[in-house]
């Protein structure tokens, strides 16, 4: 497991837990973590996919404007982490997060959904599937 993958997964767990409990995340540590991910990726020579991240950012901003359902942290996390992975990976990751969020809503009917928590769960599920299929 690469350093970028580990930092991404641990950060998602930490901020997902915060989102689950408070339905918000502290801005400056969250932004610093996302910038740190890019810095670690650059320092370790991991490929970056800026066009993928920009596409996610623009698409999610439009969706956020139309529905009002996504928070700033959700949009930034998806766009920033998608920059670190190929497009197909990001599509599966977000689809799995939406499926777990939909299941959560169906079972519990909460007023709001902590999407960062579901992004963390889907990230670790995808990592486990990847390791099982190697």
C-alpha atoms as a PDB file:
ATOM      1  CA  UNK A   1       0.000   0.000   0.000  1.00  0.00           C
ATOM      2  CA  UNK A   2       1.416   3.353  -0.995  1.00  0.00           C
ATOM      3  CA  UNK A   3       1.838   6.298   1.336  1.00  0.00           C
ATOM      4  CA  UNK A   4      -0.752   8.264  -0.647  1.00  0.00           C
ATOM      5  CA  UNK A   5      -3.302   5.453  -0.289  1.00  0.00           C
ATOM      6  CA  UNK A   6      -2.673   5.137   3.434  1.00  0.00           C
ATOM      7  CA  UNK A   7      -2.891   8.913   3.999  1.00  0.00           C
ATOM      8  CA  UNK A   8      -6.090   9.070   1.947  1.00  0.00           C
ATOM      9  CA  UNK A   9      -7.740   6.224   3.812  1.00  0.00           C
ATOM     10  CA  UNK A  10      -6.757   7.418   7.277  1.00  0.00           C
ATOM     11  CA  UNK A  11      -7.803  10.996   6.509  1.00  0.00           C
ATOM     12  CA  UNK A  12     -11.155   9.818   5.206  1.00  0.00           C
ATOM     13  CA  UNK A  13     -11.670   7.797   8.383  1.00  0.00           C
ATOM     14  CA  UNK A  14     -10.826  10.756  10.609  1.00  0.00           C
ATOM     15  CA  UNK A  15     -12.883  13.343   8.739  1.00  0.00           C
ATOM     16  CA  UNK A  16     -15.665  10.836   8.051  1.00  0.00           C
ATOM     17  CA  UNK A  17     -15.957  10.227  11.791  1.00  0.00           C
ATOM     18  CA  UNK A  18     -16.116  13.969  12.370  1.00  0.00           C
ATOM     19  CA  UNK A  19     -18.782  14.318   9.666  1.00  0.00           C
ATOM     20  CA  UNK A  20     -20.764  11.445  11.189  1.00  0.00           C
ATOM     21  CA  UNK A  21     -20.772  12.977  14.665  1.00  0.00           C
ATOM     22  CA  UNK A  22     -21.088  16.699  13.920  1.00  0.00           C
ATOM     23  CA  UNK A  23     -22.298  16.748  10.300  1.00  0.00           C
ATOM     24  CA  UNK A  24     -19.436  19.124   9.563  1.00  0.00           C
ATOM     25  CA  UNK A  25     -15.660  19.076   9.338  1.00  0.00           C
ATOM     26  CA  UNK A  26     -13.137  21.719  10.448  1.00  0.00           C
ATOM     27  CA  UNK A  27     -12.084  23.660   7.365  1.00  0.00           C
ATOM     28  CA  UNK A  28      -8.372  24.321   7.775  1.00  0.00           C
ATOM     29  CA  UNK A  29      -7.281  20.804   8.872  1.00  0.00           C
ATOM     30  CA  UNK A  30      -9.421  19.304   6.103  1.00  0.00           C
ATOM     31  CA  UNK A  31      -7.979  21.597   3.419  1.00  0.00           C
ATOM     32  CA  UNK A  32      -4.461  21.023   4.740  1.00  0.00           C
ATOM     33  CA  UNK A  33      -4.991  17.249   4.526  1.00  0.00           C
ATOM     34  CA  UNK A  34      -6.164  17.480   0.901  1.00  0.00           C
ATOM     35  CA  UNK A  35      -3.207  19.673  -0.064  1.00  0.00           C
ATOM     36  CA  UNK A  36      -0.917  17.297   1.823  1.00  0.00           C
ATOM     37  CA  UNK A  37      -2.238  14.383  -0.231  1.00  0.00           C
ATOM     38  CA  UNK A  38      -1.275  16.177  -3.428  1.00  0.00           C
ATOM     39  CA  UNK A  39       2.118  17.057  -1.955  1.00  0.00           C
ATOM     40  CA  UNK A  40       2.811  13.450  -0.966  1.00  0.00           C
ATOM     41  CA  UNK A  41       1.684  12.268  -4.401  1.00  0.00           C
ATOM     42  CA  UNK A  42       4.066  14.704  -6.108  1.00  0.00           C
ATOM     43  CA  UNK A  43       6.933  13.833  -3.768  1.00  0.00           C
ATOM     44  CA  UNK A  44       6.516  10.079  -4.283  1.00  0.00           C
ATOM     45  CA  UNK A  45       6.045  10.324  -8.036  1.00  0.00           C
ATOM     46  CA  UNK A  46       2.449   9.096  -7.999  1.00  0.00           C
ATOM     47  CA  UNK A  47       0.570  10.123 -11.137  1.00  0.00           C
ATOM     48  CA  UNK A  48      -1.891  12.982 -10.856  1.00  0.00           C
ATOM     49  CA  UNK A  49      -4.970  13.307 -13.050  1.00  0.00           C
ATOM     50  CA  UNK A  50      -5.867  17.015 -12.905  1.00  0.00           C
ATOM     51  CA  UNK A  51      -8.410  16.810 -15.734  1.00  0.00           C
ATOM     52  CA  UNK A  52     -10.287  14.094 -13.846  1.00  0.00           C
ATOM     53  CA  UNK A  53     -10.316  16.165 -10.657  1.00  0.00           C
ATOM     54  CA  UNK A  54     -11.456  19.277 -12.500  1.00  0.00           C
ATOM     55  CA  UNK A  55     -14.230  17.330 -14.198  1.00  0.00           C
ATOM     56  CA  UNK A  56     -15.445  16.011 -10.857  1.00  0.00           C
ATOM     57  CA  UNK A  57     -15.232  19.479  -9.319  1.00  0.00           C
ATOM     58  CA  UNK A  58     -17.264  21.143 -12.056  1.00  0.00           C
ATOM     59  CA  UNK A  59     -19.841  18.348 -12.187  1.00  0.00           C
ATOM     60  CA  UNK A  60     -20.290  18.240  -8.432  1.00  0.00           C
ATOM     61  CA  UNK A  61     -20.520  22.025  -8.148  1.00  0.00           C
ATOM     62  CA  UNK A  62     -23.318  21.977 -10.730  1.00  0.00           C
ATOM     63  CA  UNK A  63     -25.048  19.144  -8.858  1.00  0.00           C
ATOM     64  CA  UNK A  64     -24.601  20.976  -5.568  1.00  0.00           C
ATOM     65  CA  UNK A  65     -26.090  24.141  -7.026  1.00  0.00           C
ATOM     66  CA  UNK A  66     -29.054  22.251  -8.483  1.00  0.00           C
ATOM     67  CA  UNK A  67     -29.878  20.151  -5.421  1.00  0.00           C
ATOM     68  CA  UNK A  68     -28.275  21.827  -2.412  1.00  0.00           C
ATOM     69  CA  UNK A  69     -27.544  18.362  -1.073  1.00  0.00           C
ATOM     70  CA  UNK A  70     -23.762  18.208  -1.177  1.00  0.00           C
ATOM     71  CA  UNK A  71     -21.555  20.003   1.296  1.00  0.00           C
ATOM     72  CA  UNK A  72     -18.347  21.832   0.482  1.00  0.00           C
ATOM     73  CA  UNK A  73     -16.224  19.135   2.114  1.00  0.00           C
ATOM     74  CA  UNK A  74     -17.929  16.400   0.093  1.00  0.00           C
ATOM     75  CA  UNK A  75     -17.261  18.189  -3.183  1.00  0.00           C
ATOM     76  CA  UNK A  76     -13.654  19.035  -2.314  1.00  0.00           C
ATOM     77  CA  UNK A  77     -12.854  15.536  -1.048  1.00  0.00           C
ATOM     78  CA  UNK A  78     -14.229  13.795  -4.114  1.00  0.00           C
ATOM     79  CA  UNK A  79     -12.515  16.170  -6.544  1.00  0.00           C
ATOM     80  CA  UNK A  80      -9.168  16.149  -4.722  1.00  0.00           C
ATOM     81  CA  UNK A  81      -9.024  12.388  -4.211  1.00  0.00           C
ATOM     82  CA  UNK A  82     -10.235  11.738  -7.768  1.00  0.00           C
ATOM     83  CA  UNK A  83      -7.187  13.708  -8.944  1.00  0.00           C
ATOM     84  CA  UNK A  84      -5.034  10.985  -7.391  1.00  0.00           C
ATOM     85  CA  UNK A  85      -6.760   8.082  -9.176  1.00  0.00           C
ATOM     86  CA  UNK A  86      -7.852   7.123 -12.691  1.00  0.00           C
ATOM     87  CA  UNK A  87     -11.372   8.111 -13.785  1.00  0.00           C
ATOM     88  CA  UNK A  88     -12.849   4.607 -13.571  1.00  0.00           C
ATOM     89  CA  UNK A  89     -11.661   4.203  -9.997  1.00  0.00           C
ATOM     90  CA  UNK A  90     -13.353   7.466  -8.964  1.00  0.00           C
ATOM     91  CA  UNK A  91     -16.604   6.503 -10.641  1.00  0.00           C
ATOM     92  CA  UNK A  92     -16.755   3.170  -8.806  1.00  0.00           C
ATOM     93  CA  UNK A  93     -15.685   4.793  -5.535  1.00  0.00           C
ATOM     94  CA  UNK A  94     -18.439   7.429  -5.633  1.00  0.00           C
ATOM     95  CA  UNK A  95     -21.027   4.913  -6.865  1.00  0.00           C
ATOM     96  CA  UNK A  96     -20.250   2.626  -3.932  1.00  0.00           C
ATOM     97  CA  UNK A  97     -20.418   5.591  -1.514  1.00  0.00           C
ATOM     98  CA  UNK A  98     -23.797   6.593  -2.930  1.00  0.00           C
ATOM     99  CA  UNK A  99     -25.020   2.998  -2.563  1.00  0.00           C
ATOM    100  CA  UNK A 100     -24.014   2.850   1.103  1.00  0.00           C
ATOM    101  CA  UNK A 101     -25.525   6.305   1.688  1.00  0.00           C
ATOM    102  CA  UNK A 102     -28.740   5.179  -0.005  1.00  0.00           C
ATOM    103  CA  UNK A 103     -28.841   2.058   2.155  1.00  0.00           C
ATOM    104  CA  UNK A 104     -28.218   4.203   5.250  1.00  0.00           C
ATOM    105  CA  UNK A 105     -31.074   6.507   4.274  1.00  0.00           C
ATOM    106  CA  UNK A 106     -33.392   3.603   3.527  1.00  0.00           C
ATOM    107  CA  UNK A 107     -32.699   1.918   6.871  1.00  0.00           C
ATOM    108  CA  UNK A 108     -32.503   4.915   9.227  1.00  0.00           C
ATOM    109  CA  UNK A 109     -34.153   7.891   7.466  1.00  0.00           C
ATOM    110  CA  UNK A 110     -31.755  10.502   8.928  1.00  0.00           C
ATOM    111  CA  UNK A 111     -32.340  14.189   8.253  1.00  0.00           C
ATOM    112  CA  UNK A 112     -28.875  14.485   6.700  1.00  0.00           C
ATOM    113  CA  UNK A 113     -26.368  11.974   5.371  1.00  0.00           C
ATOM    114  CA  UNK A 114     -22.668  12.186   6.290  1.00  0.00           C
ATOM    115  CA  UNK A 115     -21.270  11.521   2.817  1.00  0.00           C
ATOM    116  CA  UNK A 116     -17.632  11.710   3.948  1.00  0.00           C
ATOM    117  CA  UNK A 117     -18.287   8.689   6.171  1.00  0.00           C
ATOM    118  CA  UNK A 118     -19.676   6.784   3.219  1.00  0.00           C
ATOM    119  CA  UNK A 119     -16.730   7.855   1.078  1.00  0.00           C
ATOM    120  CA  UNK A 120     -14.416   6.410   3.756  1.00  0.00           C
ATOM    121  CA  UNK A 121     -16.323   3.128   3.873  1.00  0.00           C
ATOM    122  CA  UNK A 122     -16.314   2.809   0.092  1.00  0.00           C
ATOM    123  CA  UNK A 123     -12.597   3.676  -0.080  1.00  0.00           C
ATOM    124  CA  UNK A 124     -11.684   0.896   2.346  1.00  0.00           C
ATOM    125  CA  UNK A 125     -14.081  -1.551   0.657  1.00  0.00           C
ATOM    126  CA  UNK A 126     -12.483  -0.852  -2.715  1.00  0.00           C
ATOM    127  CA  UNK A 127      -9.024  -1.260  -1.213  1.00  0.00           C
ATOM    128  CA  UNK A 128     -10.048  -4.597   0.336  1.00  0.00           C
ATOM    129  CA  UNK A 129     -11.514  -5.775  -2.975  1.00  0.00           C
ATOM    130  CA  UNK A 130      -8.338  -4.759  -4.769  1.00  0.00           C
ATOM    131  CA  UNK A 131      -6.200  -6.704  -2.314  1.00  0.00           C
ATOM    132  CA  UNK A 132      -8.468  -9.760  -2.567  1.00  0.00           C
ATOM    133  CA  UNK A 133      -8.372  -9.738  -6.369  1.00  0.00           C
ATOM    134  CA  UNK A 134      -4.579  -9.442  -6.643  1.00  0.00           C
END
